[in-house]
Amino acid sequence: SEIVKTKPSYITIEDLDVMRMMKNKHLS
C-alpha cells in the first residue's frame, strides 16, 4: 500500500526462483 500510493509510472521487480531458494536448507 505504501509503495503504490507514491504513484510511480512503473515498478520493477526480480523474477525470484523461490522453489530453488526453498531447497537451500539454511534459507528455506
Full PDB file with SEQRES, HELIX, SHEET, SSBOND, CRYST1, ORIGX, SCALE, CONECT and MASTER records, all heavy atoms in Angstrom:
SEQRES   1 A   28  SER GLU ILE VAL LYS THR LYS PRO SER TYR ILE THR ILE          
SEQRES   2 A   28  GLU ASP LEU ASP VAL MET ARG MET MET LYS ASN LYS HIS          
SEQRES   3 A   28  LEU SER                                                      
HELIX    1 AA1 VAL A    4  THR A    6  5                                   3    
HELIX    2 AA2 VAL A   18  MET A   22  1                                   5    
CRYST1    1.000    1.000    1.000  90.00  90.00  90.00 P 1           1          
ORIGX1      1.000000  0.000000  0.000000        0.00000                         
ORIGX2      0.000000  1.000000  0.000000        0.00000                         
ORIGX3      0.000000  0.000000  1.000000        0.00000                         
SCALE1      1.000000  0.000000  0.000000        0.00000                         
SCALE2      0.000000  1.000000  0.000000        0.00000                         
SCALE3      0.000000  0.000000  1.000000        0.00000                         
ATOM      1  N   SER A   1       0.826  -1.209   0.000  1.00  0.00           N  
ATOM      2  CA  SER A   1       0.000   0.000   0.000  1.00  0.00           C  
ATOM      3  C   SER A   1       0.862   1.262   0.000  1.00  0.00           C  
ATOM      4  O   SER A   1       0.594   2.211  -0.749  1.00  0.00           O  
ATOM      5  CB  SER A   1      -0.926  -0.010   1.223  1.00  0.00           C  
ATOM      6  OG  SER A   1      -1.729   1.143   1.250  1.00  0.00           O  
ATOM      7  N   GLU A   2       1.922   1.279   0.806  1.00  0.00           N  
ATOM      8  CA  GLU A   2       2.813   2.444   0.846  1.00  0.00           C  
ATOM      9  C   GLU A   2       3.552   2.641  -0.471  1.00  0.00           C  
ATOM     10  O   GLU A   2       3.738   3.766  -0.927  1.00  0.00           O  
ATOM     11  CB  GLU A   2       3.817   2.289   1.990  1.00  0.00           C  
ATOM     12  CG  GLU A   2       3.205   2.445   3.376  1.00  0.00           C  
ATOM     13  CD  GLU A   2       4.238   2.317   4.477  1.00  0.00           C  
ATOM     14  OE1 GLU A   2       5.448   2.369   4.163  1.00  0.00           O  
ATOM     15  OE2 GLU A   2       3.847   2.171   5.646  1.00  0.00           O  
ATOM     16  N   ILE A   3       3.971   1.548  -1.102  1.00  0.00           N  
ATOM     17  CA  ILE A   3       4.709   1.646  -2.368  1.00  0.00           C  
ATOM     18  C   ILE A   3       3.808   2.183  -3.476  1.00  0.00           C  
ATOM     19  O   ILE A   3       4.188   3.081  -4.242  1.00  0.00           O  
ATOM     20  CB  ILE A   3       5.282   0.268  -2.759  1.00  0.00           C  
ATOM     21  CG1 ILE A   3       6.363  -0.163  -1.767  1.00  0.00           C  
ATOM     22  CG2 ILE A   3       5.870   0.310  -4.166  1.00  0.00           C  
ATOM     23  CD1 ILE A   3       6.793  -1.612  -1.911  1.00  0.00           C  
ATOM     24  N   VAL A   4       2.596   1.645  -3.573  1.00  0.00           N  
ATOM     25  CA  VAL A   4       1.690   2.003  -4.659  1.00  0.00           C  
ATOM     26  C   VAL A   4       1.177   3.436  -4.511  1.00  0.00           C  
ATOM     27  O   VAL A   4       0.943   4.127  -5.514  1.00  0.00           O  
ATOM     28  CB  VAL A   4       0.527   0.988  -4.720  1.00  0.00           C  
ATOM     29  CG1 VAL A   4      -0.537   1.437  -5.688  1.00  0.00           C  
ATOM     30  CG2 VAL A   4       1.039  -0.380  -5.138  1.00  0.00           C  
ATOM     31  N   LYS A   5       1.019   3.901  -3.280  1.00  0.00           N  
ATOM     32  CA  LYS A   5       0.488   5.252  -3.051  1.00  0.00           C  
ATOM     33  C   LYS A   5       1.449   6.359  -3.479  1.00  0.00           C  
ATOM     34  O   LYS A   5       1.044   7.522  -3.585  1.00  0.00           O  
ATOM     35  CB  LYS A   5       0.111   5.426  -1.577  1.00  0.00           C  
ATOM     36  CG  LYS A   5      -1.215   4.758  -1.225  1.00  0.00           C  
ATOM     37  CD  LYS A   5      -1.580   4.953   0.227  1.00  0.00           C  
ATOM     38  CE  LYS A   5      -2.921   4.272   0.533  1.00  0.00           C  
ATOM     39  NZ  LYS A   5      -3.295   4.390   1.968  1.00  0.00           N  
ATOM     40  N   THR A   6       2.721   6.032  -3.747  1.00  0.00           N  
ATOM     41  CA  THR A   6       3.642   7.025  -4.311  1.00  0.00           C  
ATOM     42  C   THR A   6       3.349   7.288  -5.784  1.00  0.00           C  
ATOM     43  O   THR A   6       3.896   8.227  -6.365  1.00  0.00           O  
ATOM     44  CB  THR A   6       5.099   6.559  -4.152  1.00  0.00           C  
ATOM     45  OG1 THR A   6       5.267   5.286  -4.807  1.00  0.00           O  
ATOM     46  CG2 THR A   6       5.466   6.404  -2.684  1.00  0.00           C  
ATOM     47  N   LYS A   7       2.517   6.425  -6.419  1.00  0.00           N  
ATOM     48  CA  LYS A   7       2.044   6.555  -7.800  1.00  0.00           C  
ATOM     49  C   LYS A   7       3.194   6.665  -8.808  1.00  0.00           C  
ATOM     50  O   LYS A   7       3.280   7.631  -9.573  1.00  0.00           O  
ATOM     51  CB  LYS A   7       1.120   7.769  -7.932  1.00  0.00           C  
ATOM     52  CG  LYS A   7      -0.148   7.645  -7.111  1.00  0.00           C  
ATOM     53  CD  LYS A   7      -0.997   8.873  -7.211  1.00  0.00           C  
ATOM     54  CE  LYS A   7      -2.211   8.757  -6.305  1.00  0.00           C  
ATOM     55  NZ  LYS A   7      -3.040   9.992  -6.327  1.00  0.00           N  
ATOM     56  N   PRO A   8       4.105   5.679  -8.809  1.00  0.00           N  
ATOM     57  CA  PRO A   8       5.148   5.683  -9.846  1.00  0.00           C  
ATOM     58  C   PRO A   8       4.572   5.248 -11.188  1.00  0.00           C  
ATOM     59  O   PRO A   8       3.530   4.595 -11.246  1.00  0.00           O  
ATOM     60  CB  PRO A   8       6.163   4.667  -9.314  1.00  0.00           C  
ATOM     61  CG  PRO A   8       5.342   3.714  -8.519  1.00  0.00           C  
ATOM     62  CD  PRO A   8       4.208   4.510  -7.926  1.00  0.00           C  
ATOM     63  N   SER A   9       5.244   5.598 -12.272  1.00  0.00           N  
ATOM     64  CA  SER A   9       4.756   5.186 -13.595  1.00  0.00           C  
ATOM     65  C   SER A   9       4.995   3.706 -13.835  1.00  0.00           C  
ATOM     66  O   SER A   9       4.267   3.073 -14.600  1.00  0.00           O  
ATOM     67  CB  SER A   9       5.443   6.018 -14.680  1.00  0.00           C  
ATOM     68  OG  SER A   9       6.855   5.870 -14.586  1.00  0.00           O  
ATOM     69  N   TYR A  10       6.037   3.133 -13.186  1.00  0.00           N  
ATOM     70  CA  TYR A  10       6.293   1.704 -13.307  1.00  0.00           C  
ATOM     71  C   TYR A  10       7.006   1.202 -12.058  1.00  0.00           C  
ATOM     72  O   TYR A  10       7.658   1.974 -11.338  1.00  0.00           O  
ATOM     73  CB  TYR A  10       7.116   1.380 -14.559  1.00  0.00           C  
ATOM     74  CG  TYR A  10       8.521   1.936 -14.547  1.00  0.00           C  
ATOM     75  CD1 TYR A  10       9.583   1.211 -14.005  1.00  0.00           C  
ATOM     76  CD2 TYR A  10       8.797   3.199 -15.069  1.00  0.00           C  
ATOM     77  CE1 TYR A  10      10.874   1.713 -13.989  1.00  0.00           C  
ATOM     78  CE2 TYR A  10      10.080   3.711 -15.054  1.00  0.00           C  
ATOM     79  CZ  TYR A  10      11.115   2.964 -14.517  1.00  0.00           C  
ATOM     80  OH  TYR A  10      12.395   3.469 -14.487  1.00  0.00           O  
ATOM     81  N   ILE A  11       6.887  -0.097 -11.805  1.00  0.00           N  
ATOM     82  CA  ILE A  11       7.585  -0.768 -10.707  1.00  0.00           C  
ATOM     83  C   ILE A  11       8.291  -1.980 -11.295  1.00  0.00           C  
ATOM     84  O   ILE A  11       7.683  -2.758 -12.041  1.00  0.00           O  
ATOM     85  CB  ILE A  11       6.613  -1.206  -9.592  1.00  0.00           C  
ATOM     86  CG1 ILE A  11       5.972   0.015  -8.923  1.00  0.00           C  
ATOM     87  CG2 ILE A  11       7.330  -2.041  -8.537  1.00  0.00           C  
ATOM     88  CD1 ILE A  11       4.903  -0.334  -7.897  1.00  0.00           C  
ATOM     89  N   THR A  12       9.569  -2.141 -10.963  1.00  0.00           N  
ATOM     90  CA  THR A  12      10.356  -3.259 -11.485  1.00  0.00           C  
ATOM     91  C   THR A  12      10.770  -4.168 -10.339  1.00  0.00           C  
ATOM     92  O   THR A  12      11.310  -3.708  -9.331  1.00  0.00           O  
ATOM     93  CB  THR A  12      11.610  -2.764 -12.221  1.00  0.00           C  
ATOM     94  OG1 THR A  12      11.247  -1.765 -13.176  1.00  0.00           O  
ATOM     95  CG2 THR A  12      12.306  -3.911 -12.932  1.00  0.00           C  
ATOM     96  N   ILE A  13      10.501  -5.468 -10.491  1.00  0.00           N  
ATOM     97  CA  ILE A  13      10.911  -6.466  -9.506  1.00  0.00           C  
ATOM     98  C   ILE A  13      11.681  -7.573 -10.216  1.00  0.00           C  
ATOM     99  O   ILE A  13      11.676  -7.654 -11.450  1.00  0.00           O  
ATOM    100  CB  ILE A  13       9.700  -7.060  -8.754  1.00  0.00           C  
ATOM    101  CG1 ILE A  13       8.716  -7.719  -9.737  1.00  0.00           C  
ATOM    102  CG2 ILE A  13       9.021  -6.023  -7.893  1.00  0.00           C  
ATOM    103  CD1 ILE A  13       7.569  -8.438  -9.073  1.00  0.00           C  
ATOM    104  N   GLU A  14      12.317  -8.414  -9.444  1.00  0.00           N  
ATOM    105  CA  GLU A  14      13.086  -9.522  -9.984  1.00  0.00           C  
ATOM    106  C   GLU A  14      12.258 -10.803  -9.945  1.00  0.00           C  
ATOM    107  O   GLU A  14      11.481 -11.019  -9.007  1.00  0.00           O  
ATOM    108  CB  GLU A  14      14.365  -9.704  -9.164  1.00  0.00           C  
ATOM    109  CG  GLU A  14      15.378 -10.652  -9.772  1.00  0.00           C  
ATOM    110  CD  GLU A  14      16.656 -10.729  -8.956  1.00  0.00           C  
ATOM    111  OE1 GLU A  14      16.717 -10.082  -7.890  1.00  0.00           O  
ATOM    112  OE2 GLU A  14      17.582 -11.439  -9.381  1.00  0.00           O  
ATOM    113  N   ASP A  15      12.413 -11.628 -10.967  1.00  0.00           N  
ATOM    114  CA  ASP A  15      11.706 -12.909 -11.035  1.00  0.00           C  
ATOM    115  C   ASP A  15      12.457 -13.928 -10.175  1.00  0.00           C  
ATOM    116  O   ASP A  15      13.303 -14.680 -10.674  1.00  0.00           O  
ATOM    117  CB  ASP A  15      11.615 -13.387 -12.479  1.00  0.00           C  
ATOM    118  CG  ASP A  15      10.781 -14.652 -12.615  1.00  0.00           C  
ATOM    119  OD1 ASP A  15      10.010 -14.949 -11.681  1.00  0.00           O  
ATOM    120  OD2 ASP A  15      10.912 -15.346 -13.638  1.00  0.00           O  
ATOM    121  N   LEU A  16      12.153 -13.944  -8.893  1.00  0.00           N  
ATOM    122  CA  LEU A  16      12.871 -14.816  -7.960  1.00  0.00           C  
ATOM    123  C   LEU A  16      12.501 -16.280  -8.171  1.00  0.00           C  
ATOM    124  O   LEU A  16      11.329 -16.614  -8.367  1.00  0.00           O  
ATOM    125  CB  LEU A  16      12.557 -14.419  -6.515  1.00  0.00           C  
ATOM    126  CG  LEU A  16      13.084 -13.063  -6.037  1.00  0.00           C  
ATOM    127  CD1 LEU A  16      12.570 -12.775  -4.645  1.00  0.00           C  
ATOM    128  CD2 LEU A  16      14.605 -13.030  -6.045  1.00  0.00           C  
ATOM    129  N   ASP A  17      13.494 -17.143  -8.119  1.00  0.00           N  
ATOM    130  CA  ASP A  17      13.266 -18.587  -8.201  1.00  0.00           C  
ATOM    131  C   ASP A  17      13.063 -19.112  -6.777  1.00  0.00           C  
ATOM    132  O   ASP A  17      13.974 -19.628  -6.143  1.00  0.00           O  
ATOM    133  CB  ASP A  17      14.467 -19.268  -8.868  1.00  0.00           C  
ATOM    134  CG  ASP A  17      14.180 -20.721  -9.200  1.00  0.00           C  
ATOM    135  OD1 ASP A  17      13.062 -21.185  -8.906  1.00  0.00           O  
ATOM    136  OD2 ASP A  17      15.074 -21.403  -9.748  1.00  0.00           O  
ATOM    137  N   VAL A  18      11.833 -18.964  -6.284  1.00  0.00           N  
ATOM    138  CA  VAL A  18      11.536 -19.302  -4.890  1.00  0.00           C  
ATOM    139  C   VAL A  18      11.674 -20.802  -4.645  1.00  0.00           C  
ATOM    140  O   VAL A  18      12.147 -21.228  -3.585  1.00  0.00           O  
ATOM    141  CB  VAL A  18      10.110 -18.822  -4.514  1.00  0.00           C  
ATOM    142  CG1 VAL A  18       9.789 -19.187  -3.069  1.00  0.00           C  
ATOM    143  CG2 VAL A  18       9.992 -17.317  -4.698  1.00  0.00           C  
ATOM    144  N   MET A  19      11.303 -21.619  -5.631  1.00  0.00           N  
ATOM    145  CA  MET A  19      11.403 -23.072  -5.475  1.00  0.00           C  
ATOM    146  C   MET A  19      12.859 -23.503  -5.255  1.00  0.00           C  
ATOM    147  O   MET A  19      13.137 -24.363  -4.414  1.00  0.00           O  
ATOM    148  CB  MET A  19      10.830 -23.770  -6.715  1.00  0.00           C  
ATOM    149  CG  MET A  19       9.330 -23.627  -6.863  1.00  0.00           C  
ATOM    150  SD  MET A  19       8.416 -24.428  -5.530  1.00  0.00           S  
ATOM    151  CE  MET A  19       8.758 -26.132  -5.901  1.00  0.00           C  
ATOM    152  N   ARG A  20      13.774 -22.899  -5.995  1.00  0.00           N  
ATOM    153  CA  ARG A  20      15.186 -23.246  -5.831  1.00  0.00           C  
ATOM    154  C   ARG A  20      15.729 -22.725  -4.511  1.00  0.00           C  
ATOM    155  O   ARG A  20      16.548 -23.367  -3.861  1.00  0.00           O  
ATOM    156  CB  ARG A  20      16.002 -22.672  -6.997  1.00  0.00           C  
ATOM    157  CG  ARG A  20      17.452 -23.150  -7.039  1.00  0.00           C  
ATOM    158  CD  ARG A  20      18.102 -22.750  -8.345  1.00  0.00           C  
ATOM    159  NE  ARG A  20      18.131 -21.307  -8.504  1.00  0.00           N  
ATOM    160  CZ  ARG A  20      19.109 -20.527  -8.035  1.00  0.00           C  
ATOM    161  NH1 ARG A  20      20.118 -21.032  -7.371  1.00  0.00           N  
ATOM    162  NH2 ARG A  20      19.068 -19.220  -8.241  1.00  0.00           N  
ATOM    163  N   MET A  21      15.238 -21.556  -4.092  1.00  0.00           N  
ATOM    164  CA  MET A  21      15.664 -20.995  -2.802  1.00  0.00           C  
ATOM    165  C   MET A  21      15.184 -21.857  -1.643  1.00  0.00           C  
ATOM    166  O   MET A  21      15.855 -21.962  -0.618  1.00  0.00           O  
ATOM    167  CB  MET A  21      15.140 -19.563  -2.658  1.00  0.00           C  
ATOM    168  CG  MET A  21      15.744 -18.581  -3.656  1.00  0.00           C  
ATOM    169  SD  MET A  21      14.883 -16.996  -3.688  1.00  0.00           S  
ATOM    170  CE  MET A  21      15.352 -16.315  -2.111  1.00  0.00           C  
ATOM    171  N   MET A  22      14.013 -22.481  -1.806  1.00  0.00           N  
ATOM    172  CA  MET A  22      13.472 -23.325  -0.742  1.00  0.00           C  
ATOM    173  C   MET A  22      14.274 -24.608  -0.561  1.00  0.00           C  
ATOM    174  O   MET A  22      14.202 -25.253   0.483  1.00  0.00           O  
ATOM    175  CB  MET A  22      12.016 -23.678  -1.055  1.00  0.00           C  
ATOM    176  CG  MET A  22      11.058 -22.501  -0.947  1.00  0.00           C  
ATOM    177  SD  MET A  22      10.828 -21.926   0.732  1.00  0.00           S  
ATOM    178  CE  MET A  22       9.894 -23.272   1.408  1.00  0.00           C  
ATOM    179  N   LYS A  23      15.042 -25.001  -1.585  1.00  0.00           N  
ATOM    180  CA  LYS A  23      15.853 -26.210  -1.483  1.00  0.00           C  
ATOM    181  C   LYS A  23      17.097 -26.004  -0.622  1.00  0.00           C  
ATOM    182  O   LYS A  23      17.726 -26.977  -0.207  1.00  0.00           O  
ATOM    183  CB  LYS A  23      16.251 -26.679  -2.886  1.00  0.00           C  
ATOM    184  CG  LYS A  23      15.076 -27.195  -3.704  1.00  0.00           C  
ATOM    185  CD  LYS A  23      15.514 -27.629  -5.091  1.00  0.00           C  
ATOM    186  CE  LYS A  23      14.311 -28.123  -5.902  1.00  0.00           C  
ATOM    187  NZ  LYS A  23      14.700 -28.518  -7.277  1.00  0.00           N  
ATOM    188  N   ASN A  24      17.463 -24.750  -0.391  1.00  0.00           N  
ATOM    189  CA  ASN A  24      18.605 -24.444   0.471  1.00  0.00           C  
ATOM    190  C   ASN A  24      18.174 -24.601   1.927  1.00  0.00           C  
ATOM    191  O   ASN A  24      17.345 -23.849   2.429  1.00  0.00           O  
ATOM    192  CB  ASN A  24      19.090 -23.015   0.201  1.00  0.00           C  
ATOM    193  CG  ASN A  24      20.380 -22.692   0.925  1.00  0.00           C  
ATOM    194  OD1 ASN A  24      20.697 -23.278   1.964  1.00  0.00           O  
ATOM    195  ND2 ASN A  24      21.128 -21.745   0.391  1.00  0.00           N  
ATOM    196  N   LYS A  25      18.733 -25.593   2.627  1.00  0.00           N  
ATOM    197  CA  LYS A  25      18.286 -25.893   3.988  1.00  0.00           C  
ATOM    198  C   LYS A  25      18.585 -24.759   4.968  1.00  0.00           C  
ATOM    199  O   LYS A  25      17.958 -24.660   6.021  1.00  0.00           O  
ATOM    200  CB  LYS A  25      18.928 -27.188   4.483  1.00  0.00           C  
ATOM    201  CG  LYS A  25      20.451 -27.134   4.595  1.00  0.00           C  
ATOM    202  CD  LYS A  25      21.009 -28.450   5.099  1.00  0.00           C  
ATOM    203  CE  LYS A  25      22.526 -28.393   5.248  1.00  0.00           C  
ATOM    204  NZ  LYS A  25      23.066 -29.676   5.745  1.00  0.00           N  
ATOM    205  N   HIS A  26      19.543 -23.880   4.635  1.00  0.00           N  
ATOM    206  CA  HIS A  26      19.880 -22.776   5.521  1.00  0.00           C  
ATOM    207  C   HIS A  26      18.944 -21.575   5.333  1.00  0.00           C  
ATOM    208  O   HIS A  26      18.810 -20.747   6.230  1.00  0.00           O  
ATOM    209  CB  HIS A  26      21.324 -22.326   5.282  1.00  0.00           C  
ATOM    210  CG  HIS A  26      22.335 -23.427   5.464  1.00  0.00           C  
ATOM    211  ND1 HIS A  26      22.623 -23.978   6.703  1.00  0.00           N  
ATOM    212  CD2 HIS A  26      23.104 -24.101   4.562  1.00  0.00           C  
ATOM    213  CE1 HIS A  26      23.536 -24.930   6.556  1.00  0.00           C  
ATOM    214  NE2 HIS A  26      23.839 -25.026   5.276  1.00  0.00           N  
ATOM    215  N   LEU A  27      18.293 -21.472   4.162  1.00  0.00           N  
ATOM    216  CA  LEU A  27      17.459 -20.309   3.864  1.00  0.00           C  
ATOM    217  C   LEU A  27      15.982 -20.633   3.701  1.00  0.00           C  
ATOM    218  O   LEU A  27      15.165 -19.719   3.616  1.00  0.00           O  
ATOM    219  CB  LEU A  27      17.954 -19.641   2.569  1.00  0.00           C  
ATOM    220  CG  LEU A  27      19.327 -18.978   2.595  1.00  0.00           C  
ATOM    221  CD1 LEU A  27      19.689 -18.492   1.206  1.00  0.00           C  
ATOM    222  CD2 LEU A  27      19.376 -17.826   3.573  1.00  0.00           C  
ATOM    223  N   SER A  28      15.631 -21.911   3.636  1.00  0.00           N  
ATOM    224  CA  SER A  28      14.255 -22.293   3.286  1.00  0.00           C  
ATOM    225  C   SER A  28      13.219 -21.711   4.250  1.00  0.00           C  
ATOM    226  O   SER A  28      12.194 -21.166   3.820  1.00  0.00           O  
ATOM    227  CB  SER A  28      14.126 -23.813   3.232  1.00  0.00           C  
ATOM    228  OG  SER A  28      14.476 -24.390   4.481  1.00  0.00           O  
TER     229      SER A  28                                                      
MASTER        0    0    0    2    0    0    0    6  228    1    0    3          
END                                                                             
